[in-house]
C-alpha atoms as a PDB file:
ATOM      1  CA  UNK A   1      57.449 -46.899  -9.448  1.00  0.00           C
ATOM      2  CA  UNK A   2      53.909 -48.135  -9.423  1.00  0.00           C
ATOM      3  CA  UNK A   3      52.351 -44.705  -9.945  1.00  0.00           C
ATOM      4  CA  UNK A   4      51.118 -43.733 -13.376  1.00  0.00           C
ATOM      5  CA  UNK A   5      53.239 -41.305 -15.377  1.00  0.00           C
ATOM      6  CA  UNK A   6      50.423 -38.762 -15.259  1.00  0.00           C
ATOM      7  CA  UNK A   7      50.219 -39.068 -11.464  1.00  0.00           C
ATOM      8  CA  UNK A   8      53.952 -38.542 -11.156  1.00  0.00           C
ATOM      9  CA  UNK A   9      53.769 -35.404 -13.298  1.00  0.00           C
ATOM     10  CA  UNK A  10      50.796 -34.079 -11.312  1.00  0.00           C
ATOM     11  CA  UNK A  11      52.620 -34.700  -8.023  1.00  0.00           C
ATOM     12  CA  UNK A  12      55.666 -32.891  -9.384  1.00  0.00           C
ATOM     13  CA  UNK A  13      53.581 -29.769 -10.077  1.00  0.00           C
ATOM     14  CA  UNK A  14      52.084 -29.908  -6.585  1.00  0.00           C
ATOM     15  CA  UNK A  15      55.577 -29.535  -5.136  1.00  0.00           C
ATOM     16  CA  UNK A  16      56.641 -27.041  -7.850  1.00  0.00           C
ATOM     17  CA  UNK A  17      53.673 -24.627  -8.016  1.00  0.00           C
ATOM     18  CA  UNK A  18      55.761 -22.062  -9.908  1.00  0.00           C
ATOM     19  CA  UNK A  19      55.883 -24.408 -12.935  1.00  0.00           C
ATOM     20  CA  UNK A  20      53.493 -25.528 -15.638  1.00  0.00           C
ATOM     21  CA  UNK A  21      54.288 -28.728 -17.501  1.00  0.00           C
ATOM     22  CA  UNK A  22      53.330 -28.948 -21.166  1.00  0.00           C
ATOM     23  CA  UNK A  23      53.335 -32.603 -22.142  1.00  0.00           C
ATOM     24  CA  UNK A  24      53.213 -33.669 -25.777  1.00  0.00           C
ATOM     25  CA  UNK A  25      52.017 -37.233 -26.134  1.00  0.00           C
ATOM     26  CA  UNK A  26      50.869 -39.755 -28.682  1.00  0.00           C
ATOM     27  CA  UNK A  27      48.023 -42.184 -28.094  1.00  0.00           C
ATOM     28  CA  UNK A  28      46.671 -44.585 -30.705  1.00  0.00           C
ATOM     29  CA  UNK A  29      48.212 -42.530 -33.495  1.00  0.00           C
ATOM     30  CA  UNK A  30      46.715 -39.251 -32.251  1.00  0.00           C
ATOM     31  CA  UNK A  31      48.722 -36.357 -30.876  1.00  0.00           C
ATOM     32  CA  UNK A  32      47.663 -34.480 -27.752  1.00  0.00           C
ATOM     33  CA  UNK A  33      49.133 -31.782 -25.575  1.00  0.00           C
ATOM     34  CA  UNK A  34      48.378 -31.696 -21.865  1.00  0.00           C
ATOM     35  CA  UNK A  35      48.994 -28.840 -19.455  1.00  0.00           C
ATOM     36  CA  UNK A  36      49.648 -29.793 -15.836  1.00  0.00           C
ATOM     37  CA  UNK A  37      49.552 -27.168 -13.076  1.00  0.00           C
ATOM     38  CA  UNK A  38      49.283 -27.558  -9.301  1.00  0.00           C
ATOM     39  CA  UNK A  39      48.341 -31.224  -9.567  1.00  0.00           C
ATOM     40  CA  UNK A  40      45.679 -30.900 -12.260  1.00  0.00           C
ATOM     41  CA  UNK A  41      45.875 -32.040 -15.888  1.00  0.00           C
ATOM     42  CA  UNK A  42      43.951 -30.675 -18.826  1.00  0.00           C
ATOM     43  CA  UNK A  43      44.114 -31.539 -22.508  1.00  0.00           C
ATOM     44  CA  UNK A  44      44.771 -28.549 -24.728  1.00  0.00           C
ATOM     45  CA  UNK A  45      43.523 -30.313 -27.860  1.00  0.00           C
ATOM     46  CA  UNK A  46      40.646 -32.568 -26.758  1.00  0.00           C
ATOM     47  CA  UNK A  47      37.779 -32.294 -24.268  1.00  0.00           C
ATOM     48  CA  UNK A  48      38.862 -33.059 -20.706  1.00  0.00           C
ATOM     49  CA  UNK A  49      36.583 -35.205 -18.554  1.00  0.00           C
ATOM     50  CA  UNK A  50      35.417 -33.883 -15.194  1.00  0.00           C
ATOM     51  CA  UNK A  51      35.992 -37.285 -13.552  1.00  0.00           C
ATOM     52  CA  UNK A  52      39.331 -37.178 -11.678  1.00  0.00           C
ATOM     53  CA  UNK A  53      39.435 -40.990 -11.642  1.00  0.00           C
ATOM     54  CA  UNK A  54      39.874 -41.067 -15.432  1.00  0.00           C
ATOM     55  CA  UNK A  55      43.530 -40.329 -16.224  1.00  0.00           C
ATOM     56  CA  UNK A  56      44.233 -37.627 -18.802  1.00  0.00           C
ATOM     57  CA  UNK A  57      47.529 -39.358 -19.610  1.00  0.00           C
ATOM     58  CA  UNK A  58      46.848 -43.103 -19.857  1.00  0.00           C
ATOM     59  CA  UNK A  59      49.694 -45.550 -19.341  1.00  0.00           C
ATOM     60  CA  UNK A  60      49.460 -46.568 -22.997  1.00  0.00           C
ATOM     61  CA  UNK A  61      50.336 -43.020 -24.096  1.00  0.00           C
ATOM     62  CA  UNK A  62      53.830 -42.340 -25.383  1.00  0.00           C
ATOM     63  CA  UNK A  63      55.245 -39.150 -23.912  1.00  0.00           C
ATOM     64  CA  UNK A  64      56.981 -37.397 -26.801  1.00  0.00           C
ATOM     65  CA  UNK A  65      58.341 -34.426 -24.843  1.00  0.00           C
ATOM     66  CA  UNK A  66      57.861 -32.336 -21.727  1.00  0.00           C
ATOM     67  CA  UNK A  67      58.339 -28.578 -21.508  1.00  0.00           C
ATOM     68  CA  UNK A  68      58.740 -26.816 -18.173  1.00  0.00           C
ATOM     69  CA  UNK A  69      57.348 -23.277 -18.190  1.00  0.00           C
ATOM     70  CA  UNK A  70      57.051 -20.595 -15.547  1.00  0.00           C
ATOM     71  CA  UNK A  71      53.641 -20.054 -13.995  1.00  0.00           C
ATOM     72  CA  UNK A  72      51.398 -18.321 -14.645  1.00  0.00           C
ATOM     73  CA  UNK A  73      51.453 -19.698 -18.169  1.00  0.00           C
ATOM     74  CA  UNK A  74      50.770 -17.220 -20.949  1.00  0.00           C
ATOM     75  CA  UNK A  75      50.397 -19.102 -24.260  1.00  0.00           C
ATOM     76  CA  UNK A  76      51.145 -15.968 -26.280  1.00  0.00           C
ATOM     77  CA  UNK A  77      54.399 -15.379 -24.377  1.00  0.00           C
ATOM     78  CA  UNK A  78      55.558 -18.575 -22.646  1.00  0.00           C
ATOM     79  CA  UNK A  79      58.618 -18.391 -20.430  1.00  0.00           C
ATOM     80  CA  UNK A  80      60.316 -21.753 -20.635  1.00  0.00           C
ATOM     81  CA  UNK A  81      62.581 -23.207 -17.985  1.00  0.00           C
ATOM     82  CA  UNK A  82      63.437 -26.248 -20.136  1.00  0.00           C
ATOM     83  CA  UNK A  83      62.055 -27.583 -23.401  1.00  0.00           C
ATOM     84  CA  UNK A  84      61.844 -30.921 -25.187  1.00  0.00           C
ATOM     85  CA  UNK A  85      62.712 -33.122 -22.222  1.00  0.00           C
ATOM     86  CA  UNK A  86      62.222 -36.835 -22.771  1.00  0.00           C
ATOM     87  CA  UNK A  87      60.311 -38.854 -20.173  1.00  0.00           C
ATOM     88  CA  UNK A  88      63.609 -40.451 -19.130  1.00  0.00           C
ATOM     89  CA  UNK A  89      65.295 -37.049 -18.655  1.00  0.00           C
ATOM     90  CA  UNK A  90      62.318 -35.689 -16.722  1.00  0.00           C
ATOM     91  CA  UNK A  91      62.366 -38.667 -14.346  1.00  0.00           C
ATOM     92  CA  UNK A  92      65.667 -37.353 -12.983  1.00  0.00           C
ATOM     93  CA  UNK A  93      63.695 -34.356 -11.645  1.00  0.00           C
ATOM     94  CA  UNK A  94      61.146 -36.511  -9.810  1.00  0.00           C
END
């Protein structure tokens, strides 16, 4: 697929609006966690740019794991559908 990983994850949430994806990733030795809901990505640990042309998950990022949670997401009481999926395992859902 020629689409970026982040684009694929965003498109997944557009077709699965009852889910929130929590993506743990590593980029240049730094850890980040990104929430993706209804096609929009937002970093939970770093400022998120307002420019939609700048990817939140760059292609150089290593996806460590993906959690699928029920929407609406409540960080104090998350309801997980699946946890700790690898990028390869998640691709089977795309």
